[in-house]
C-alpha atoms as a PDB file:
ATOM      1  CA  UNK A   1      -2.342 -17.519 -22.089  1.00  0.00           C
ATOM      2  CA  UNK A   2      -0.402 -16.999 -18.868  1.00  0.00           C
ATOM      3  CA  UNK A   3       0.264 -20.354 -17.263  1.00  0.00           C
ATOM      4  CA  UNK A   4      -0.580 -19.250 -13.727  1.00  0.00           C
ATOM      5  CA  UNK A   5      -4.159 -18.233 -14.536  1.00  0.00           C
ATOM      6  CA  UNK A   6      -7.273 -20.326 -14.001  1.00  0.00           C
ATOM      7  CA  UNK A   7      -9.003 -20.669 -17.358  1.00  0.00           C
ATOM      8  CA  UNK A   8     -12.268 -22.056 -18.683  1.00  0.00           C
ATOM      9  CA  UNK A   9     -12.375 -23.482 -22.195  1.00  0.00           C
ATOM     10  CA  UNK A  10     -15.260 -24.347 -24.502  1.00  0.00           C
ATOM     11  CA  UNK A  11     -14.328 -27.335 -26.645  1.00  0.00           C
ATOM     12  CA  UNK A  12     -16.175 -28.618 -29.696  1.00  0.00           C
ATOM     13  CA  UNK A  13     -16.788 -32.364 -29.835  1.00  0.00           C
ATOM     14  CA  UNK A  14     -18.691 -34.171 -32.592  1.00  0.00           C
ATOM     15  CA  UNK A  15     -21.188 -31.379 -33.234  1.00  0.00           C
ATOM     16  CA  UNK A  16     -21.555 -30.609 -29.539  1.00  0.00           C
ATOM     17  CA  UNK A  17     -19.558 -28.594 -27.046  1.00  0.00           C
ATOM     18  CA  UNK A  18     -18.279 -29.157 -23.544  1.00  0.00           C
ATOM     19  CA  UNK A  19     -16.602 -27.199 -20.772  1.00  0.00           C
ATOM     20  CA  UNK A  20     -13.099 -27.741 -19.425  1.00  0.00           C
ATOM     21  CA  UNK A  21     -11.429 -25.910 -16.548  1.00  0.00           C
ATOM     22  CA  UNK A  22      -7.664 -25.450 -16.222  1.00  0.00           C
ATOM     23  CA  UNK A  23      -6.420 -24.953 -12.671  1.00  0.00           C
ATOM     24  CA  UNK A  24      -2.692 -24.336 -12.149  1.00  0.00           C
ATOM     25  CA  UNK A  25      -0.666 -25.733  -9.298  1.00  0.00           C
ATOM     26  CA  UNK A  26      -0.533 -24.124  -5.908  1.00  0.00           C
ATOM     27  CA  UNK A  27       3.174 -25.009  -5.668  1.00  0.00           C
ATOM     28  CA  UNK A  28       5.984 -26.085  -8.022  1.00  0.00           C
ATOM     29  CA  UNK A  29       4.587 -27.338 -11.339  1.00  0.00           C
ATOM     30  CA  UNK A  30       5.788 -30.771 -12.503  1.00  0.00           C
ATOM     31  CA  UNK A  31       3.135 -31.878 -15.028  1.00  0.00           C
ATOM     32  CA  UNK A  32      -0.454 -31.431 -16.183  1.00  0.00           C
ATOM     33  CA  UNK A  33      -3.157 -34.027 -15.501  1.00  0.00           C
ATOM     34  CA  UNK A  34      -6.192 -34.210 -17.805  1.00  0.00           C
ATOM     35  CA  UNK A  35      -8.668 -35.595 -15.271  1.00  0.00           C
ATOM     36  CA  UNK A  36     -11.848 -37.359 -16.451  1.00  0.00           C
ATOM     37  CA  UNK A  37     -14.829 -37.925 -14.157  1.00  0.00           C
ATOM     38  CA  UNK A  38     -16.647 -41.185 -13.426  1.00  0.00           C
ATOM     39  CA  UNK A  39     -19.943 -42.346 -14.930  1.00  0.00           C
ATOM     40  CA  UNK A  40     -22.110 -40.925 -12.144  1.00  0.00           C
ATOM     41  CA  UNK A  41     -19.980 -37.844 -11.544  1.00  0.00           C
ATOM     42  CA  UNK A  42     -19.049 -34.581 -13.244  1.00  0.00           C
ATOM     43  CA  UNK A  43     -16.103 -32.219 -13.341  1.00  0.00           C
ATOM     44  CA  UNK A  44     -17.184 -30.396 -10.180  1.00  0.00           C
ATOM     45  CA  UNK A  45     -18.298 -33.296  -8.013  1.00  0.00           C
ATOM     46  CA  UNK A  46     -16.899 -33.570  -4.497  1.00  0.00           C
ATOM     47  CA  UNK A  47     -14.453 -36.381  -5.222  1.00  0.00           C
ATOM     48  CA  UNK A  48     -13.087 -34.650  -8.315  1.00  0.00           C
ATOM     49  CA  UNK A  49     -12.555 -31.391  -6.451  1.00  0.00           C
ATOM     50  CA  UNK A  50     -10.917 -33.051  -3.451  1.00  0.00           C
ATOM     51  CA  UNK A  51      -8.491 -35.037  -5.577  1.00  0.00           C
ATOM     52  CA  UNK A  52      -7.787 -32.056  -7.831  1.00  0.00           C
ATOM     53  CA  UNK A  53      -6.882 -29.870  -4.868  1.00  0.00           C
ATOM     54  CA  UNK A  54      -4.639 -32.571  -3.404  1.00  0.00           C
ATOM     55  CA  UNK A  55      -2.836 -33.039  -6.726  1.00  0.00           C
ATOM     56  CA  UNK A  56      -2.434 -29.295  -7.293  1.00  0.00           C
ATOM     57  CA  UNK A  57      -0.787 -28.897  -3.909  1.00  0.00           C
ATOM     58  CA  UNK A  58       1.811 -31.440  -5.039  1.00  0.00           C
ATOM     59  CA  UNK A  59       2.798 -30.027  -8.428  1.00  0.00           C
ATOM     60  CA  UNK A  60       0.117 -31.195 -10.854  1.00  0.00           C
ATOM     61  CA  UNK A  61      -1.774 -28.697 -12.987  1.00  0.00           C
ATOM     62  CA  UNK A  62      -5.320 -29.973 -13.457  1.00  0.00           C
ATOM     63  CA  UNK A  63      -7.665 -29.922 -16.438  1.00  0.00           C
ATOM     64  CA  UNK A  64     -11.178 -31.033 -15.448  1.00  0.00           C
ATOM     65  CA  UNK A  65     -14.001 -31.368 -17.963  1.00  0.00           C
ATOM     66  CA  UNK A  66     -17.447 -32.831 -18.518  1.00  0.00           C
ATOM     67  CA  UNK A  67     -18.145 -35.614 -20.953  1.00  0.00           C
ATOM     68  CA  UNK A  68     -20.859 -34.488 -23.363  1.00  0.00           C
ATOM     69  CA  UNK A  69     -23.724 -36.314 -21.641  1.00  0.00           C
ATOM     70  CA  UNK A  70     -22.953 -34.532 -18.364  1.00  0.00           C
ATOM     71  CA  UNK A  71     -22.651 -31.199 -20.113  1.00  0.00           C
ATOM     72  CA  UNK A  72     -26.198 -31.779 -21.418  1.00  0.00           C
ATOM     73  CA  UNK A  73     -27.398 -32.625 -17.901  1.00  0.00           C
ATOM     74  CA  UNK A  74     -27.946 -36.310 -18.669  1.00  0.00           C
ATOM     75  CA  UNK A  75     -26.974 -39.136 -16.329  1.00  0.00           C
ATOM     76  CA  UNK A  76     -26.618 -41.722 -19.080  1.00  0.00           C
ATOM     77  CA  UNK A  77     -23.036 -42.047 -20.371  1.00  0.00           C
ATOM     78  CA  UNK A  78     -22.344 -41.585 -24.062  1.00  0.00           C
ATOM     79  CA  UNK A  79     -21.214 -44.572 -26.157  1.00  0.00           C
ATOM     80  CA  UNK A  80     -17.523 -45.352 -25.699  1.00  0.00           C
ATOM     81  CA  UNK A  81     -16.451 -43.920 -29.107  1.00  0.00           C
ATOM     82  CA  UNK A  82     -17.938 -40.533 -28.147  1.00  0.00           C
ATOM     83  CA  UNK A  83     -16.420 -40.665 -24.662  1.00  0.00           C
ATOM     84  CA  UNK A  84     -13.008 -41.281 -26.235  1.00  0.00           C
ATOM     85  CA  UNK A  85     -13.511 -38.508 -28.784  1.00  0.00           C
ATOM     86  CA  UNK A  86     -14.374 -36.052 -26.000  1.00  0.00           C
ATOM     87  CA  UNK A  87     -11.323 -36.879 -23.903  1.00  0.00           C
ATOM     88  CA  UNK A  88      -9.061 -36.761 -26.970  1.00  0.00           C
ATOM     89  CA  UNK A  89     -10.432 -33.301 -27.838  1.00  0.00           C
ATOM     90  CA  UNK A  90      -9.678 -32.044 -24.325  1.00  0.00           C
ATOM     91  CA  UNK A  91      -6.135 -33.454 -24.538  1.00  0.00           C
ATOM     92  CA  UNK A  92      -5.626 -31.674 -27.877  1.00  0.00           C
ATOM     93  CA  UNK A  93      -6.831 -28.365 -26.440  1.00  0.00           C
ATOM     94  CA  UNK A  94      -4.576 -28.816 -23.414  1.00  0.00           C
ATOM     95  CA  UNK A  95      -1.551 -29.278 -25.656  1.00  0.00           C
ATOM     96  CA  UNK A  96      -2.533 -26.164 -27.611  1.00  0.00           C
ATOM     97  CA  UNK A  97      -3.045 -23.947 -24.568  1.00  0.00           C
ATOM     98  CA  UNK A  98      -0.279 -24.970 -22.174  1.00  0.00           C
ATOM     99  CA  UNK A  99       3.513 -24.778 -22.316  1.00  0.00           C
ATOM    100  CA  UNK A 100       5.371 -28.005 -23.153  1.00  0.00           C
ATOM    101  CA  UNK A 101       5.784 -30.408 -20.278  1.00  0.00           C
ATOM    102  CA  UNK A 102       4.781 -33.821 -19.022  1.00  0.00           C
ATOM    103  CA  UNK A 103       1.181 -34.715 -19.905  1.00  0.00           C
ATOM    104  CA  UNK A 104      -0.709 -37.277 -17.848  1.00  0.00           C
ATOM    105  CA  UNK A 105      -4.181 -38.530 -18.736  1.00  0.00           C
ATOM    106  CA  UNK A 106      -6.602 -40.542 -16.657  1.00  0.00           C
ATOM    107  CA  UNK A 107      -9.484 -40.228 -14.286  1.00  0.00           C
ATOM    108  CA  UNK A 108     -11.914 -41.778 -11.871  1.00  0.00           C
ATOM    109  CA  UNK A 109     -13.556 -45.106 -12.687  1.00  0.00           C
ATOM    110  CA  UNK A 110     -15.142 -44.816 -16.164  1.00  0.00           C
ATOM    111  CA  UNK A 111     -13.032 -41.735 -16.938  1.00  0.00           C
ATOM    112  CA  UNK A 112      -9.893 -43.710 -16.242  1.00  0.00           C
ATOM    113  CA  UNK A 113     -11.127 -46.569 -18.389  1.00  0.00           C
ATOM    114  CA  UNK A 114     -11.694 -44.172 -21.316  1.00  0.00           C
ATOM    115  CA  UNK A 115      -8.181 -42.767 -20.893  1.00  0.00           C
ATOM    116  CA  UNK A 116      -6.694 -46.257 -20.720  1.00  0.00           C
ATOM    117  CA  UNK A 117      -8.406 -47.232 -23.957  1.00  0.00           C
ATOM    118  CA  UNK A 118      -7.064 -44.123 -25.712  1.00  0.00           C
ATOM    119  CA  UNK A 119      -3.583 -44.862 -24.381  1.00  0.00           C
ATOM    120  CA  UNK A 120      -3.883 -48.445 -25.633  1.00  0.00           C
ATOM    121  CA  UNK A 121      -4.848 -47.106 -29.061  1.00  0.00           C
ATOM    122  CA  UNK A 122      -1.724 -44.942 -29.180  1.00  0.00           C
ATOM    123  CA  UNK A 123      -2.761 -41.507 -27.900  1.00  0.00           C
ATOM    124  CA  UNK A 124       0.513 -39.864 -26.938  1.00  0.00           C
ATOM    125  CA  UNK A 125       0.941 -39.144 -23.234  1.00  0.00           C
ATOM    126  CA  UNK A 126       3.719 -39.317 -20.663  1.00  0.00           C
ATOM    127  CA  UNK A 127       1.719 -41.229 -18.088  1.00  0.00           C
ATOM    128  CA  UNK A 128      -1.638 -42.772 -17.232  1.00  0.00           C
ATOM    129  CA  UNK A 129      -3.217 -42.154 -13.805  1.00  0.00           C
ATOM    130  CA  UNK A 130      -6.159 -44.426 -12.959  1.00  0.00           C
ATOM    131  CA  UNK A 131      -8.294 -43.875  -9.870  1.00  0.00           C
ATOM    132  CA  UNK A 132     -10.651 -46.765  -9.011  1.00  0.00           C
ATOM    133  CA  UNK A 133     -10.285 -48.579 -12.339  1.00  0.00           C
ATOM    134  CA  UNK A 134     -13.585 -50.440 -13.009  1.00  0.00           C
ATOM    135  CA  UNK A 135     -12.252 -53.887 -13.927  1.00  0.00           C
ATOM    136  CA  UNK A 136     -15.774 -55.343 -14.009  1.00  0.00           C
ATOM    137  CA  UNK A 137     -19.361 -54.278 -13.266  1.00  0.00           C
ATOM    138  CA  UNK A 138     -20.420 -54.622  -9.634  1.00  0.00           C
ATOM    139  CA  UNK A 139     -21.494 -58.203  -8.940  1.00  0.00           C
ATOM    140  CA  UNK A 140     -20.362 -59.423 -12.378  1.00  0.00           C
ATOM    141  CA  UNK A 141     -16.675 -60.304 -12.054  1.00  0.00           C
ATOM    142  CA  UNK A 142     -16.865 -62.512 -15.133  1.00  0.00           C
ATOM    143  CA  UNK A 143     -17.307 -59.422 -17.357  1.00  0.00           C
ATOM    144  CA  UNK A 144     -13.715 -58.228 -17.311  1.00  0.00           C
ATOM    145  CA  UNK A 145     -12.649 -54.950 -18.916  1.00  0.00           C
ATOM    146  CA  UNK A 146      -9.028 -55.945 -19.370  1.00  0.00           C
ATOM    147  CA  UNK A 147      -8.629 -56.862 -23.064  1.00  0.00           C
ATOM    148  CA  UNK A 148      -6.862 -53.595 -23.951  1.00  0.00           C
ATOM    149  CA  UNK A 149      -4.563 -53.312 -20.947  1.00  0.00           C
ATOM    150  CA  UNK A 150      -1.717 -55.276 -22.542  1.00  0.00           C
ATOM    151  CA  UNK A 151      -1.557 -52.709 -25.393  1.00  0.00           C
ATOM    152  CA  UNK A 152      -0.784 -49.789 -23.048  1.00  0.00           C
ATOM    153  CA  UNK A 153       2.796 -48.538 -23.341  1.00  0.00           C
ATOM    154  CA  UNK A 154       2.636 -45.413 -21.154  1.00  0.00           C
ATOM    155  CA  UNK A 155       3.849 -45.703 -17.542  1.00  0.00           C
ATOM    156  CA  UNK A 156       0.763 -46.249 -15.398  1.00  0.00           C
ATOM    157  CA  UNK A 157      -0.172 -45.610 -11.782  1.00  0.00           C
ATOM    158  CA  UNK A 158      -3.414 -47.272 -10.675  1.00  0.00           C
ATOM    159  CA  UNK A 159      -5.213 -46.943  -7.331  1.00  0.00           C
ATOM    160  CA  UNK A 160      -7.989 -49.258  -6.207  1.00  0.00           C
ATOM    161  CA  UNK A 161      -9.438 -49.941  -2.789  1.00  0.00           C
ATOM    162  CA  UNK A 162      -9.356 -53.415  -1.306  1.00  0.00           C
ATOM    163  CA  UNK A 163     -13.165 -53.161  -0.834  1.00  0.00           C
ATOM    164  CA  UNK A 164     -13.826 -51.962  -4.406  1.00  0.00           C
ATOM    165  CA  UNK A 165     -16.885 -53.827  -5.713  1.00  0.00           C
ATOM    166  CA  UNK A 166     -15.837 -53.042  -9.305  1.00  0.00           C
ATOM    167  CA  UNK A 167     -12.292 -54.379  -9.022  1.00  0.00           C
ATOM    168  CA  UNK A 168     -11.687 -57.683  -7.287  1.00  0.00           C
ATOM    169  CA  UNK A 169      -8.068 -57.735  -6.210  1.00  0.00           C
ATOM    170  CA  UNK A 170      -7.269 -61.279  -7.332  1.00  0.00           C
ATOM    171  CA  UNK A 171      -8.760 -60.639 -10.779  1.00  0.00           C
ATOM    172  CA  UNK A 172      -6.817 -57.405 -11.218  1.00  0.00           C
ATOM    173  CA  UNK A 173      -3.550 -59.066 -10.215  1.00  0.00           C
ATOM    174  CA  UNK A 174      -4.252 -61.809 -12.758  1.00  0.00           C
ATOM    175  CA  UNK A 175      -5.073 -59.265 -15.485  1.00  0.00           C
ATOM    176  CA  UNK A 176      -1.823 -57.398 -14.833  1.00  0.00           C
ATOM    177  CA  UNK A 177       0.244 -60.492 -15.618  1.00  0.00           C
ATOM    178  CA  UNK A 178      -0.349 -59.700 -19.301  1.00  0.00           C
ATOM    179  CA  UNK A 179       0.655 -56.030 -19.000  1.00  0.00           C
ATOM    180  CA  UNK A 180       4.046 -55.092 -20.441  1.00  0.00           C
ATOM    181  CA  UNK A 181       4.325 -51.420 -19.484  1.00  0.00           C
ATOM    182  CA  UNK A 182       5.660 -50.015 -16.223  1.00  0.00           C
ATOM    183  CA  UNK A 183       2.439 -50.442 -14.225  1.00  0.00           C
ATOM    184  CA  UNK A 184       2.441 -49.409 -10.551  1.00  0.00           C
ATOM    185  CA  UNK A 185      -0.547 -50.913  -8.721  1.00  0.00           C
ATOM    186  CA  UNK A 186      -1.456 -49.404  -5.379  1.00  0.00           C
ATOM    187  CA  UNK A 187      -4.079 -51.058  -3.178  1.00  0.00           C
ATOM    188  CA  UNK A 188      -5.721 -48.729  -0.677  1.00  0.00           C
ATOM    189  CA  UNK A 189      -6.416 -50.810   2.405  1.00  0.00           C
ATOM    190  CA  UNK A 190     -10.076 -50.740   3.437  1.00  0.00           C
ATOM    191  CA  UNK A 191     -11.209 -48.291   0.725  1.00  0.00           C
ATOM    192  CA  UNK A 192     -14.255 -48.862  -1.488  1.00  0.00           C
ATOM    193  CA  UNK A 193     -14.887 -47.713  -5.077  1.00  0.00           C
ATOM    194  CA  UNK A 194     -15.399 -44.132  -3.902  1.00  0.00           C
ATOM    195  CA  UNK A 195     -12.228 -44.268  -1.747  1.00  0.00           C
ATOM    196  CA  UNK A 196     -14.306 -44.285   1.451  1.00  0.00           C
ATOM    197  CA  UNK A 197     -13.228 -46.329   4.468  1.00  0.00           C
ATOM    198  CA  UNK A 198     -15.146 -47.750   7.409  1.00  0.00           C
ATOM    199  CA  UNK A 199     -14.648 -46.083  10.789  1.00  0.00           C
ATOM    200  CA  UNK A 200     -13.656 -49.474  12.160  1.00  0.00           C
ATOM    201  CA  UNK A 201     -10.608 -49.452   9.852  1.00  0.00           C
ATOM    202  CA  UNK A 202      -8.894 -46.866  11.997  1.00  0.00           C
ATOM    203  CA  UNK A 203      -8.414 -44.695   8.903  1.00  0.00           C
ATOM    204  CA  UNK A 204     -10.341 -41.731   7.545  1.00  0.00           C
ATOM    205  CA  UNK A 205     -11.225 -40.746   3.997  1.00  0.00           C
ATOM    206  CA  UNK A 206      -8.749 -37.896   4.408  1.00  0.00           C
ATOM    207  CA  UNK A 207      -5.995 -40.422   5.156  1.00  0.00           C
ATOM    208  CA  UNK A 208      -6.757 -42.215   1.883  1.00  0.00           C
ATOM    209  CA  UNK A 209      -6.703 -38.920  -0.036  1.00  0.00           C
ATOM    210  CA  UNK A 210      -3.315 -38.057   1.461  1.00  0.00           C
ATOM    211  CA  UNK A 211      -1.959 -41.505   0.583  1.00  0.00           C
ATOM    212  CA  UNK A 212      -3.091 -41.120  -3.040  1.00  0.00           C
ATOM    213  CA  UNK A 213      -1.626 -37.624  -3.324  1.00  0.00           C
ATOM    214  CA  UNK A 214       1.742 -38.532  -1.792  1.00  0.00           C
ATOM    215  CA  UNK A 215       2.207 -41.654  -3.923  1.00  0.00           C
ATOM    216  CA  UNK A 216       1.164 -39.742  -7.042  1.00  0.00           C
ATOM    217  CA  UNK A 217       3.640 -36.949  -6.308  1.00  0.00           C
ATOM    218  CA  UNK A 218       6.497 -39.473  -6.038  1.00  0.00           C
ATOM    219  CA  UNK A 219       5.412 -41.260  -9.236  1.00  0.00           C
ATOM    220  CA  UNK A 220       5.133 -38.012 -11.212  1.00  0.00           C
ATOM    221  CA  UNK A 221       8.567 -36.951  -9.968  1.00  0.00           C
ATOM    222  CA  UNK A 222      10.041 -40.152 -11.414  1.00  0.00           C
ATOM    223  CA  UNK A 223       8.207 -39.573 -14.713  1.00  0.00           C
ATOM    224  CA  UNK A 224       9.521 -36.042 -15.059  1.00  0.00           C
ATOM    225  CA  UNK A 225      13.099 -37.119 -14.324  1.00  0.00           C
ATOM    226  CA  UNK A 226      12.885 -39.483 -17.292  1.00  0.00           C
END
């Protein structure tokens, strides 16, 4: 495969099959990001495409894919073991298809959680990129999803909005006290779980997207220099 070509892959997972799309950078490749969608999203939803384009313009190749339930047209997420198996299969295919280089895994909300659990279990990667990590279900801050975070060893960059109903800031800061890896936490002022801001904030959604992309570019640059 020529690295500069957009490619679509069919990937077998646990008796099923899903679709992944490889999109190369628009300028100066630094790494590849295997980018998992959120529970209510899919590989081609608006947020995924906007973030993918922003990352590609700053040196990240992108691999987007559907979890199996989305590939079947269902809105009900698969059990966590199957979600992890699907993401791991996409990572394996990415390693097979692309030239050696820095590999980053992660995703939006549930997709990021799946990637973080794989990283905690020892899946080899150079970095973990989490976008709107769902620390707890909306309205249920007592149900924390933080037990595995202390086992992560990969350098991690995590973005959450200060209005995120699935990640109370004080609870996340408390959870991170037990984390041993190089974890960079970035709070997006005024943003909600979908990275949307109120007009009264004086910011736009595009401003938030630019902030994410610029901070990610700087973080990836540090990773690659290592």
